[in-house]
Amino acid sequence: MNVYYKKTVVGWWNIYPAGSDAQFVNLSPEEFFTILPQVSRKAFAGCTEIKPKVAQELFGEEVRSA
């Protein structure tokens, strides 16, 4: 599943499923970098792909892999 991420003013991270700005999950920096260790600590926004199991844990929905 493709996701977008944005760093908040207070340093936490909002993660959005691609194609939907309505539903997002707010994560602490520790949680964010545990899930997405490939993201640079200097980043403030971007997009990446997460595994369906991780997507289901974050967003609580059944996700089909591409």
N, C-alpha and C. Protein backbone atom coordinates (compact mmCIF):
# COMPACT_ATOMS: atom_id res chain seq x y z
N MET A 1 0.86 -1.18 0.00
CA MET A 1 0.00 0.00 0.00
C MET A 1 0.89 1.23 0.00
N ASN A 2 0.57 2.19 -0.84
CA ASN A 2 1.30 3.45 -0.89
C ASN A 2 0.75 4.41 0.15
N VAL A 3 1.66 5.10 0.82
CA VAL A 3 1.27 6.08 1.82
C VAL A 3 2.07 7.36 1.65
N TYR A 4 1.47 8.45 2.10
CA TYR A 4 2.15 9.74 2.19
C TYR A 4 2.43 10.00 3.66
N TYR A 5 3.51 10.72 3.95
CA TYR A 5 3.78 11.10 5.33
C TYR A 5 4.20 12.56 5.39
N LYS A 6 3.81 13.21 6.49
CA LYS A 6 4.14 14.61 6.73
C LYS A 6 4.53 14.78 8.19
N LYS A 7 5.58 15.52 8.43
CA LYS A 7 6.01 15.82 9.80
C LYS A 7 5.18 17.00 10.31
N THR A 8 4.70 16.89 11.54
CA THR A 8 3.90 17.97 12.12
C THR A 8 4.81 19.03 12.74
N VAL A 9 4.23 20.13 13.14
CA VAL A 9 4.97 21.22 13.75
C VAL A 9 5.67 20.77 15.04
N VAL A 10 5.05 19.84 15.77
CA VAL A 10 5.63 19.39 17.03
C VAL A 10 6.54 18.17 16.87
N GLY A 11 6.78 17.73 15.61
CA GLY A 11 7.73 16.66 15.36
C GLY A 11 7.16 15.26 15.25
N TRP A 12 5.84 15.13 15.35
CA TRP A 12 5.22 13.83 15.14
C TRP A 12 4.95 13.66 13.66
N TRP A 13 4.43 12.51 13.25
CA TRP A 13 4.23 12.20 11.84
C TRP A 13 2.79 11.82 11.56
N ASN A 14 2.20 12.40 10.49
CA ASN A 14 0.90 12.00 9.99
C ASN A 14 1.13 11.11 8.78
N ILE A 15 0.49 9.94 8.76
CA ILE A 15 0.59 9.02 7.63
C ILE A 15 -0.79 8.87 7.03
N TYR A 16 -0.87 9.09 5.70
CA TYR A 16 -2.12 9.03 4.95
C TYR A 16 -2.05 7.91 3.92
N PRO A 17 -3.11 7.15 3.74
CA PRO A 17 -3.15 6.22 2.60
C PRO A 17 -3.15 7.04 1.30
N ALA A 18 -2.43 6.59 0.30
CA ALA A 18 -2.41 7.31 -0.98
C ALA A 18 -3.83 7.44 -1.52
N GLY A 19 -4.17 8.63 -1.98
CA GLY A 19 -5.49 8.87 -2.54
C GLY A 19 -6.53 9.29 -1.53
N SER A 20 -6.15 9.45 -0.26
CA SER A 20 -7.11 9.83 0.77
C SER A 20 -6.44 10.72 1.80
N ASP A 21 -6.83 12.00 1.83
CA ASP A 21 -6.30 12.90 2.85
C ASP A 21 -7.20 12.93 4.08
N ALA A 22 -8.35 12.29 4.01
CA ALA A 22 -9.31 12.34 5.11
C ALA A 22 -8.87 11.50 6.30
N GLN A 23 -8.41 10.27 6.05
CA GLN A 23 -8.05 9.36 7.14
C GLN A 23 -6.53 9.37 7.30
N PHE A 24 -6.05 9.66 8.51
CA PHE A 24 -4.63 9.59 8.75
C PHE A 24 -4.36 9.07 10.14
N VAL A 25 -3.13 8.64 10.36
CA VAL A 25 -2.69 8.15 11.65
C VAL A 25 -1.55 9.05 12.10
N ASN A 26 -1.57 9.47 13.35
CA ASN A 26 -0.52 10.30 13.92
C ASN A 26 0.40 9.42 14.75
N LEU A 27 1.71 9.43 14.43
CA LEU A 27 2.68 8.58 15.11
C LEU A 27 3.80 9.40 15.73
N SER A 28 4.29 8.92 16.86
CA SER A 28 5.46 9.54 17.47
C SER A 28 6.68 9.25 16.57
N PRO A 29 7.76 10.02 16.71
CA PRO A 29 8.94 9.74 15.91
C PRO A 29 9.47 8.31 16.09
N GLU A 30 9.41 7.77 17.30
CA GLU A 30 9.89 6.41 17.54
C GLU A 30 9.05 5.39 16.78
N GLU A 31 7.73 5.54 16.83
CA GLU A 31 6.84 4.63 16.11
C GLU A 31 7.04 4.75 14.60
N PHE A 32 7.15 5.98 14.12
CA PHE A 32 7.30 6.23 12.69
C PHE A 32 8.57 5.57 12.15
N PHE A 33 9.71 5.77 12.81
CA PHE A 33 10.96 5.23 12.31
C PHE A 33 11.10 3.73 12.55
N THR A 34 10.30 3.16 13.44
CA THR A 34 10.23 1.71 13.58
C THR A 34 9.53 1.11 12.36
N ILE A 35 8.45 1.75 11.93
CA ILE A 35 7.70 1.27 10.78
C ILE A 35 8.42 1.59 9.46
N LEU A 36 9.02 2.76 9.38
CA LEU A 36 9.66 3.23 8.14
C LEU A 36 11.12 3.61 8.37
N PRO A 37 11.99 2.63 8.65
CA PRO A 37 13.39 2.96 8.95
C PRO A 37 14.15 3.53 7.74
N GLN A 38 13.63 3.33 6.53
CA GLN A 38 14.30 3.81 5.34
C GLN A 38 14.16 5.32 5.13
N VAL A 39 13.24 5.95 5.86
CA VAL A 39 13.02 7.39 5.72
C VAL A 39 14.13 8.14 6.46
N SER A 40 14.69 9.15 5.80
CA SER A 40 15.74 9.97 6.41
C SER A 40 15.19 10.74 7.60
N ARG A 41 15.98 10.88 8.62
CA ARG A 41 15.57 11.66 9.80
C ARG A 41 15.50 13.15 9.48
N LYS A 42 16.03 13.56 8.34
CA LYS A 42 15.97 14.96 7.91
C LYS A 42 14.72 15.24 7.08
N ALA A 43 13.98 14.21 6.71
CA ALA A 43 12.79 14.37 5.87
C ALA A 43 11.68 15.10 6.63
N PHE A 44 10.80 15.77 5.87
CA PHE A 44 9.62 16.39 6.47
C PHE A 44 8.34 15.95 5.78
N ALA A 45 8.47 15.36 4.59
CA ALA A 45 7.31 14.84 3.86
C ALA A 45 7.80 13.89 2.78
N GLY A 46 6.91 12.99 2.36
CA GLY A 46 7.29 12.08 1.29
C GLY A 46 6.23 11.02 1.08
N CYS A 47 6.61 10.02 0.27
CA CYS A 47 5.72 8.89 0.04
C CYS A 47 6.56 7.62 -0.02
N THR A 48 5.93 6.50 0.31
CA THR A 48 6.60 5.21 0.29
C THR A 48 5.55 4.12 0.25
N GLU A 49 6.01 2.89 0.26
CA GLU A 49 5.10 1.75 0.26
C GLU A 49 5.29 0.99 1.57
N ILE A 50 4.16 0.54 2.14
CA ILE A 50 4.21 -0.29 3.34
C ILE A 50 3.53 -1.62 3.04
N LYS A 51 3.87 -2.62 3.81
CA LYS A 51 3.30 -3.96 3.63
C LYS A 51 1.84 -3.97 4.05
N PRO A 52 1.04 -4.83 3.42
CA PRO A 52 -0.40 -4.90 3.75
C PRO A 52 -0.67 -5.14 5.23
N LYS A 53 0.15 -5.96 5.89
CA LYS A 53 -0.06 -6.23 7.31
C LYS A 53 0.12 -4.96 8.14
N VAL A 54 1.13 -4.17 7.81
CA VAL A 54 1.38 -2.91 8.52
C VAL A 54 0.24 -1.93 8.26
N ALA A 55 -0.23 -1.87 7.01
CA ALA A 55 -1.35 -0.99 6.66
C ALA A 55 -2.59 -1.36 7.45
N GLN A 56 -2.85 -2.65 7.58
CA GLN A 56 -4.03 -3.08 8.33
C GLN A 56 -3.91 -2.69 9.80
N GLU A 57 -2.72 -2.82 10.37
CA GLU A 57 -2.51 -2.43 11.77
C GLU A 57 -2.70 -0.93 11.95
N LEU A 58 -2.21 -0.14 11.00
CA LEU A 58 -2.31 1.32 11.12
C LEU A 58 -3.72 1.84 10.86
N PHE A 59 -4.31 1.39 9.75
CA PHE A 59 -5.57 1.96 9.31
C PHE A 59 -6.78 1.11 9.63
N GLY A 60 -6.55 -0.13 10.11
CA GLY A 60 -7.64 -0.98 10.52
C GLY A 60 -8.57 -1.42 9.41
N GLU A 61 -7.99 -1.65 8.23
CA GLU A 61 -8.82 -2.08 7.11
C GLU A 61 -8.09 -3.16 6.33
N GLU A 62 -8.88 -3.96 5.64
CA GLU A 62 -8.33 -5.01 4.79
C GLU A 62 -7.69 -4.36 3.56
N VAL A 63 -6.44 -4.70 3.29
CA VAL A 63 -5.73 -4.09 2.18
C VAL A 63 -5.25 -5.17 1.23
N ARG A 64 -5.51 -4.98 -0.05
CA ARG A 64 -5.04 -5.94 -1.05
C ARG A 64 -3.70 -5.48 -1.59
N SER A 65 -2.77 -6.42 -1.77
CA SER A 65 -1.49 -6.07 -2.35
C SER A 65 -1.63 -5.93 -3.85
N ALA A 66 -0.80 -5.10 -4.45
CA ALA A 66 -0.87 -4.83 -5.89
C ALA A 66 -0.32 -5.96 -6.71
